[in-house]
N, C-alpha and C. Protein backbone atom coordinates (compact mmCIF):
# COMPACT_ATOMS: atom_id res chain seq x y z
N MET A 1 60.65 21.83 -91.06
CA MET A 1 61.74 22.70 -91.93
C MET A 1 61.48 22.18 -93.42
N PRO A 2 60.88 22.99 -94.29
CA PRO A 2 61.14 22.58 -95.78
C PRO A 2 62.30 22.48 -96.23
N LEU A 3 62.80 21.82 -97.14
CA LEU A 3 63.98 22.20 -97.80
C LEU A 3 63.85 22.56 -99.27
N VAL A 4 64.22 23.50 -99.61
CA VAL A 4 63.75 23.77 -100.96
C VAL A 4 65.21 23.85 -102.05
N ARG A 5 64.71 23.28 -103.13
CA ARG A 5 65.95 23.35 -104.00
C ARG A 5 65.33 23.94 -105.38
N ILE A 6 66.14 25.13 -105.60
CA ILE A 6 65.87 26.03 -106.82
C ILE A 6 67.05 25.75 -107.99
N ASP A 7 66.84 25.01 -109.24
CA ASP A 7 67.65 24.87 -110.50
C ASP A 7 67.18 25.73 -111.07
N ALA A 8 68.35 26.27 -112.14
CA ALA A 8 68.08 27.59 -112.74
C ALA A 8 69.29 27.29 -113.92
N ILE A 9 69.46 27.91 -115.27
CA ILE A 9 70.42 27.85 -115.97
C ILE A 9 71.27 28.66 -115.66
N THR A 10 72.59 28.79 -115.50
CA THR A 10 73.49 30.03 -115.38
C THR A 10 73.56 30.97 -116.03
N GLY A 11 73.54 32.21 -115.49
CA GLY A 11 73.62 33.48 -115.78
C GLY A 11 72.83 34.50 -115.01
N ARG A 12 72.05 34.17 -114.00
CA ARG A 12 71.38 35.20 -113.47
C ARG A 12 71.96 35.76 -112.40
N SER A 13 71.84 37.18 -112.35
CA SER A 13 72.56 37.86 -111.37
C SER A 13 72.19 37.40 -109.93
N GLU A 14 73.08 38.05 -109.14
CA GLU A 14 73.21 37.60 -107.39
C GLU A 14 71.56 37.95 -106.92
N ALA A 15 71.36 39.15 -107.41
CA ALA A 15 70.18 39.83 -107.05
C ALA A 15 68.87 39.03 -107.46
N GLU A 16 68.81 38.68 -108.59
CA GLU A 16 67.75 37.92 -109.22
C GLU A 16 67.52 36.75 -108.52
N LEU A 17 68.82 35.84 -108.16
CA LEU A 17 68.88 34.41 -107.30
C LEU A 17 68.21 34.87 -105.89
N ASN A 18 68.72 35.95 -105.50
CA ASN A 18 68.16 36.36 -104.03
C ASN A 18 66.48 36.65 -103.83
N ALA A 19 66.04 37.22 -105.15
CA ALA A 19 64.94 37.76 -104.94
C ALA A 19 64.19 36.40 -105.23
N LEU A 20 64.62 35.71 -106.13
CA LEU A 20 63.70 34.17 -106.44
C LEU A 20 63.77 33.43 -104.80
N SER A 21 64.95 33.29 -104.33
CA SER A 21 64.75 32.83 -103.10
C SER A 21 63.72 32.96 -101.65
N ALA A 22 63.87 34.73 -101.83
CA ALA A 22 62.96 35.32 -100.95
C ALA A 22 61.47 34.90 -101.25
N ALA A 23 61.13 35.09 -102.70
CA ALA A 23 59.91 34.89 -103.23
C ALA A 23 59.27 33.71 -102.75
N VAL A 24 59.92 32.01 -102.94
CA VAL A 24 59.54 30.91 -102.72
C VAL A 24 59.20 31.08 -101.29
N HIS A 25 60.25 31.72 -100.40
CA HIS A 25 60.21 31.39 -99.15
C HIS A 25 59.09 32.12 -98.26
N ARG A 26 59.00 33.45 -99.13
CA ARG A 26 57.72 34.01 -98.73
C ARG A 26 56.21 33.31 -98.81
N ALA A 27 55.98 32.98 -100.12
CA ALA A 27 55.10 31.90 -100.26
C ALA A 27 54.66 30.95 -99.24
N MET A 28 55.88 30.36 -99.21
CA MET A 28 55.68 29.09 -97.92
C MET A 28 55.11 29.76 -96.60
N SER A 29 55.81 31.03 -96.13
CA SER A 29 55.13 31.50 -95.00
C SER A 29 53.60 31.71 -95.17
N GLU A 30 53.35 32.37 -96.21
CA GLU A 30 52.03 32.71 -96.43
C GLU A 30 50.96 31.92 -96.61
N CYS A 31 51.05 30.59 -97.24
CA CYS A 31 50.53 29.25 -97.88
C CYS A 31 50.42 28.39 -96.63
N PHE A 32 51.54 28.05 -96.20
CA PHE A 32 51.82 26.78 -95.35
C PHE A 32 52.07 27.22 -93.75
N GLY A 33 52.23 28.54 -93.90
CA GLY A 33 52.69 28.82 -92.21
C GLY A 33 54.03 28.70 -91.68
N VAL A 34 55.27 28.44 -92.85
CA VAL A 34 56.47 28.39 -92.42
C VAL A 34 57.17 29.54 -91.66
N PRO A 35 57.47 29.16 -90.64
CA PRO A 35 58.15 30.47 -89.60
C PRO A 35 59.36 31.03 -90.72
N GLU A 36 59.53 32.24 -90.47
CA GLU A 36 60.90 33.13 -91.33
C GLU A 36 61.81 32.72 -91.06
N ARG A 37 62.36 32.10 -89.85
CA ARG A 37 63.52 31.66 -89.61
C ARG A 37 63.79 30.34 -90.16
N ASP A 38 62.79 29.81 -90.70
CA ASP A 38 62.86 27.98 -90.96
C ASP A 38 63.30 28.13 -92.42
N ARG A 39 64.41 28.74 -92.71
CA ARG A 39 64.69 29.16 -94.36
C ARG A 39 65.88 27.94 -94.97
N PHE A 40 65.66 27.20 -95.24
CA PHE A 40 66.95 26.43 -95.46
C PHE A 40 66.82 26.14 -97.42
N GLN A 41 67.82 26.41 -98.38
CA GLN A 41 67.58 26.31 -99.44
C GLN A 41 68.99 25.77 -100.23
N ILE A 42 68.90 25.34 -101.33
CA ILE A 42 69.84 24.72 -102.11
C ILE A 42 69.58 25.57 -103.73
N ILE A 43 70.55 26.32 -103.79
CA ILE A 43 70.31 27.07 -105.25
C ILE A 43 71.34 26.71 -106.04
N THR A 44 71.10 26.18 -107.29
CA THR A 44 71.80 25.52 -108.14
C THR A 44 71.89 26.06 -109.54
N GLU A 45 73.06 26.45 -110.07
CA GLU A 45 72.93 26.96 -111.49
C GLU A 45 73.64 26.06 -111.98
N HIS A 46 72.87 25.60 -113.34
CA HIS A 46 73.53 24.66 -114.38
C HIS A 46 73.92 25.71 -116.13
N PRO A 47 75.12 24.74 -116.74
CA PRO A 47 75.36 25.38 -117.73
C PRO A 47 74.21 24.37 -118.86
N ARG A 48 74.25 25.79 -119.77
CA ARG A 48 72.86 25.28 -121.13
C ARG A 48 73.07 23.78 -120.97
N GLY A 49 72.14 22.90 -121.21
CA GLY A 49 72.46 21.46 -121.33
C GLY A 49 72.28 20.75 -120.56
N ARG A 50 72.45 21.04 -119.20
CA ARG A 50 72.41 20.34 -117.92
C ARG A 50 71.24 20.64 -117.27
N LEU A 51 70.47 21.62 -117.46
CA LEU A 51 69.09 21.71 -116.73
C LEU A 51 68.04 21.02 -118.10
N VAL A 52 67.44 20.18 -118.20
CA VAL A 52 66.78 19.66 -119.23
C VAL A 52 64.99 19.78 -118.78
N TYR A 53 64.93 20.27 -120.19
CA TYR A 53 63.12 20.42 -119.80
C TYR A 53 62.63 20.53 -121.25
N ASP A 54 61.30 20.25 -121.42
CA ASP A 54 60.47 20.31 -122.69
C ASP A 54 60.11 21.63 -122.79
N PRO A 55 60.28 22.19 -124.12
CA PRO A 55 60.12 23.87 -124.03
C PRO A 55 58.50 23.97 -124.57
N GLY A 56 57.38 22.76 -124.70
CA GLY A 56 56.27 22.72 -125.07
C GLY A 56 55.58 21.77 -124.12
N TYR A 57 56.09 21.22 -123.45
CA TYR A 57 55.27 19.92 -122.72
C TYR A 57 54.22 20.55 -121.75
N LEU A 58 52.82 19.82 -122.31
CA LEU A 58 51.22 20.44 -121.69
C LEU A 58 50.90 21.81 -121.91
N GLY A 59 51.33 22.30 -123.40
CA GLY A 59 51.30 23.12 -123.82
C GLY A 59 51.49 24.54 -123.13
N VAL A 60 52.50 24.36 -122.35
CA VAL A 60 53.63 25.41 -122.04
C VAL A 60 54.69 26.19 -122.31
N SER A 61 54.64 26.75 -123.07
CA SER A 61 55.97 27.67 -123.58
C SER A 61 57.07 27.97 -122.55
N ARG A 62 58.01 26.95 -122.81
CA ARG A 62 59.13 27.34 -121.53
C ARG A 62 60.50 27.90 -122.82
N THR A 63 61.28 28.79 -122.01
CA THR A 63 62.48 29.52 -122.44
C THR A 63 63.29 29.16 -121.71
N ASP A 64 64.63 29.70 -121.97
CA ASP A 64 66.23 29.28 -120.91
C ASP A 64 65.81 30.12 -119.64
N GLY A 65 64.78 30.45 -119.61
CA GLY A 65 64.64 31.51 -118.38
C GLY A 65 64.17 30.33 -117.11
N PHE A 66 64.14 29.15 -117.54
CA PHE A 66 63.12 27.92 -117.00
C PHE A 66 63.54 27.66 -115.57
N ILE A 67 62.98 27.72 -114.37
CA ILE A 67 63.58 27.44 -113.20
C ILE A 67 62.71 26.44 -112.55
N PHE A 68 63.35 25.26 -111.73
CA PHE A 68 62.33 24.51 -111.41
C PHE A 68 62.66 24.75 -109.83
N VAL A 69 61.56 24.56 -109.18
CA VAL A 69 61.58 24.72 -107.77
C VAL A 69 60.77 23.43 -106.98
N GLN A 70 61.92 23.05 -106.22
CA GLN A 70 61.42 21.62 -105.35
C GLN A 70 61.17 21.73 -104.27
N VAL A 71 60.33 21.49 -103.45
CA VAL A 71 60.37 21.84 -101.85
C VAL A 71 59.77 20.22 -100.92
N LEU A 72 60.73 19.92 -100.18
CA LEU A 72 60.73 18.68 -99.59
C LEU A 72 60.22 19.29 -98.26
N PHE A 73 59.16 18.71 -97.44
CA PHE A 73 58.44 18.88 -96.18
C PHE A 73 57.50 18.25 -95.70
N SER A 74 57.25 18.25 -94.53
CA SER A 74 56.41 17.31 -93.77
C SER A 74 55.04 16.93 -94.08
N ALA A 75 54.49 15.86 -94.18
CA ALA A 75 53.22 15.94 -95.00
C ALA A 75 52.27 16.89 -94.26
N GLY A 76 51.06 17.01 -94.85
CA GLY A 76 49.84 17.49 -93.78
C GLY A 76 49.41 18.93 -94.38
N ARG A 77 49.52 19.27 -95.54
CA ARG A 77 48.91 20.55 -96.41
C ARG A 77 47.92 19.62 -97.62
N THR A 78 46.93 20.68 -97.36
CA THR A 78 45.90 20.31 -98.39
C THR A 78 46.03 20.60 -99.63
N PRO A 79 45.00 20.17 -100.40
CA PRO A 79 45.36 20.26 -101.91
C PRO A 79 45.15 21.70 -102.17
N GLU A 80 44.59 22.61 -101.67
CA GLU A 80 43.96 23.71 -101.68
C GLU A 80 45.19 24.69 -101.26
N GLN A 81 45.72 24.47 -100.12
CA GLN A 81 47.17 25.25 -99.84
C GLN A 81 48.22 24.90 -100.52
N LYS A 82 48.26 23.89 -101.53
CA LYS A 82 49.21 23.71 -102.59
C LYS A 82 49.01 24.33 -103.48
N LYS A 83 47.68 24.39 -103.93
CA LYS A 83 47.28 25.43 -105.11
C LYS A 83 47.55 27.02 -104.95
N ALA A 84 47.05 27.34 -103.58
CA ALA A 84 47.70 28.60 -103.20
C ALA A 84 49.24 28.48 -103.40
N PHE A 85 49.85 28.00 -102.96
CA PHE A 85 51.10 27.81 -102.85
C PHE A 85 51.91 28.05 -104.71
N TYR A 86 51.13 27.56 -105.42
CA TYR A 86 51.84 27.46 -106.46
C TYR A 86 51.46 28.81 -107.26
N ALA A 87 50.33 29.41 -107.09
CA ALA A 87 49.71 30.65 -107.70
C ALA A 87 50.65 31.71 -107.03
N ARG A 88 50.73 31.66 -105.73
CA ARG A 88 51.74 32.65 -104.95
C ARG A 88 53.10 32.79 -105.45
N VAL A 89 53.60 31.89 -105.71
CA VAL A 89 54.99 31.76 -106.10
C VAL A 89 55.15 32.46 -107.33
N ILE A 90 54.19 32.04 -108.46
CA ILE A 90 54.12 32.66 -109.63
C ILE A 90 54.01 34.36 -109.66
N GLU A 91 52.93 34.61 -108.84
CA GLU A 91 52.63 35.97 -108.48
C GLU A 91 53.94 36.79 -108.06
N LEU A 92 54.77 36.20 -107.09
CA LEU A 92 55.66 36.89 -106.51
C LEU A 92 57.00 37.11 -107.45
N LEU A 93 57.08 36.18 -108.05
CA LEU A 93 57.97 36.10 -108.81
C LEU A 93 57.92 36.87 -110.40
N ALA A 94 56.31 37.18 -110.53
CA ALA A 94 56.47 37.97 -111.44
C ALA A 94 56.71 39.72 -111.41
N GLY A 95 56.72 39.72 -110.31
CA GLY A 95 57.54 41.15 -109.37
C GLY A 95 58.92 41.32 -109.63
N GLU A 96 59.26 41.16 -108.89
CA GLU A 96 61.32 40.87 -109.00
C GLU A 96 61.36 39.31 -108.50
N PRO A 97 61.98 38.66 -109.16
CA PRO A 97 62.85 38.95 -110.30
C PRO A 97 62.37 38.87 -111.64
N ARG A 98 61.09 39.25 -111.72
CA ARG A 98 60.44 39.21 -113.03
C ARG A 98 60.77 37.94 -114.26
N ILE A 99 60.25 36.66 -113.49
CA ILE A 99 60.06 35.26 -114.05
C ILE A 99 59.04 35.07 -114.68
N ARG A 100 59.00 34.81 -116.00
CA ARG A 100 57.61 34.51 -116.68
C ARG A 100 56.56 33.48 -115.99
N PRO A 101 55.77 33.41 -115.70
CA PRO A 101 55.00 31.96 -115.29
C PRO A 101 55.11 30.93 -115.74
N GLU A 102 55.22 31.11 -117.26
CA GLU A 102 55.66 29.75 -117.88
C GLU A 102 56.95 28.97 -117.92
N ASP A 103 57.67 29.49 -117.14
CA ASP A 103 59.10 29.56 -117.00
C ASP A 103 59.25 28.79 -115.47
N VAL A 104 58.31 28.45 -114.87
CA VAL A 104 58.47 28.23 -113.47
C VAL A 104 57.44 26.78 -113.28
N ALA A 105 58.48 25.55 -112.81
CA ALA A 105 58.01 24.34 -112.46
C ALA A 105 58.14 24.26 -110.99
N ILE A 106 57.08 23.36 -110.23
CA ILE A 106 57.24 23.54 -109.00
C ILE A 106 56.73 22.05 -108.63
N THR A 107 57.50 21.52 -107.58
CA THR A 107 56.99 20.11 -107.22
C THR A 107 57.26 20.03 -105.65
N LEU A 108 56.21 19.37 -105.28
CA LEU A 108 56.25 19.27 -103.47
C LEU A 108 56.25 17.98 -103.23
N LEU A 109 57.52 17.55 -102.51
CA LEU A 109 57.74 15.95 -101.85
C LEU A 109 57.44 16.29 -100.24
N GLU A 110 56.69 15.37 -100.12
CA GLU A 110 56.35 15.08 -98.41
C GLU A 110 56.77 13.86 -97.99
N ASN A 111 57.34 14.04 -96.58
CA ASN A 111 57.82 13.06 -95.87
C ASN A 111 57.26 13.28 -94.37
N GLU A 112 57.75 12.52 -93.39
CA GLU A 112 57.21 12.73 -92.14
C GLU A 112 57.99 13.33 -90.80
N ARG A 113 57.82 14.00 -90.02
CA ARG A 113 58.83 14.48 -89.14
C ARG A 113 59.76 13.91 -88.53
N SER A 114 59.29 12.29 -88.40
CA SER A 114 60.69 11.49 -87.78
C SER A 114 61.68 11.38 -89.01
N ASP A 115 61.36 11.94 -90.11
CA ASP A 115 62.19 11.92 -91.05
C ASP A 115 63.23 13.16 -91.39
N TRP A 116 63.19 14.04 -90.21
CA TRP A 116 64.71 15.20 -89.79
C TRP A 116 65.20 15.18 -88.81
N SER A 117 66.65 15.62 -89.44
CA SER A 117 67.23 15.78 -88.08
C SER A 117 68.30 17.09 -88.39
N PHE A 118 68.10 18.26 -87.42
CA PHE A 118 68.70 19.56 -87.82
C PHE A 118 70.04 19.65 -86.99
N GLY A 119 70.42 18.57 -87.05
CA GLY A 119 72.00 18.35 -86.40
C GLY A 119 71.91 17.72 -84.76
N GLN A 120 73.42 17.43 -84.57
CA GLN A 120 73.62 16.82 -83.35
C GLN A 120 73.04 15.28 -82.96
N GLY A 121 72.39 14.70 -84.20
CA GLY A 121 71.94 13.45 -84.49
C GLY A 121 70.53 13.09 -83.73
N ILE A 122 69.73 14.33 -83.43
CA ILE A 122 68.68 14.28 -82.57
C ILE A 122 67.41 14.57 -83.74
N ALA A 123 66.50 13.68 -83.42
CA ALA A 123 65.29 14.21 -84.41
C ALA A 123 64.33 15.25 -83.80
N GLN A 124 64.65 16.57 -83.78
CA GLN A 124 64.13 17.72 -82.82
C GLN A 124 62.43 17.39 -83.14
N TYR A 125 62.15 17.39 -84.08
CA TYR A 125 60.47 17.58 -84.19
C TYR A 125 59.78 16.22 -83.29
N LEU A 126 60.93 14.93 -82.75
CA LEU A 126 60.21 13.87 -82.10
C LEU A 126 60.43 14.40 -80.64
N VAL A 127 61.56 14.79 -80.16
CA VAL A 127 61.86 15.19 -79.05
C VAL A 127 61.44 16.62 -78.65
N LEU A 128 61.54 17.72 -79.06
CA LEU A 128 61.37 19.14 -78.88
C LEU A 128 59.71 19.40 -78.69
N PRO A 129 59.41 20.06 -77.76
CA PRO A 129 58.18 20.55 -77.84
C PRO A 129 57.58 21.54 -79.26
N LYS A 130 56.48 21.71 -79.63
CA LYS A 130 56.19 21.96 -80.96
C LYS A 130 56.33 23.69 -80.66
N GLU A 131 56.17 24.22 -79.10
CA GLU A 131 56.50 25.67 -79.29
C GLU A 131 57.82 26.22 -79.99
N GLN A 132 59.14 25.30 -79.68
CA GLN A 132 60.47 25.23 -79.71
C GLN A 132 60.48 25.42 -81.26
N TRP A 133 59.55 24.63 -82.14
CA TRP A 133 59.96 24.45 -83.74
C TRP A 133 60.10 25.78 -84.51
N LYS A 134 59.92 26.89 -83.88
CA LYS A 134 60.20 28.09 -84.44
C LYS A 134 61.68 28.84 -84.55
C-alpha cells in the first residue's frame, strides 16, 4: 500500500484535484505494479505562503501552480522504475489537469512491509498470503 500525500496551494477545482489524484495512481500502477484498488491518498490544500518552495531552485522555474507529491511505500523499486515513475507522472499531469512539469516535485520514501497495518491491529503483509494483497 503506497500512501500518497499531495500538497497544493488552495484554488484548484475538484475536477483538477481528482485528475491529479488519478494521474499519480495510474503512474504507480503502470510503473510499480500497484493494484488499482490499492489507493490511499491524502490531498491537502494550503493557503498562499503555507506551501513554501523556492521558485528557481536547481534552475527550475516554479509558479504558484506548484504541487508536491510524496509517496511512502515498501522498499524494493529499482532506480529505473523510479525514474520511469517521475516521467510518467509528469506526462499524465500535462494532459488533465494541465500541470506544468516545472511545478511538480516528487519524493519517494521507502519502508518495510512490517511497517504497515491496514486495520484491526494486524500487520497484514506479514500474516496474509501475497495473493490476498490485491
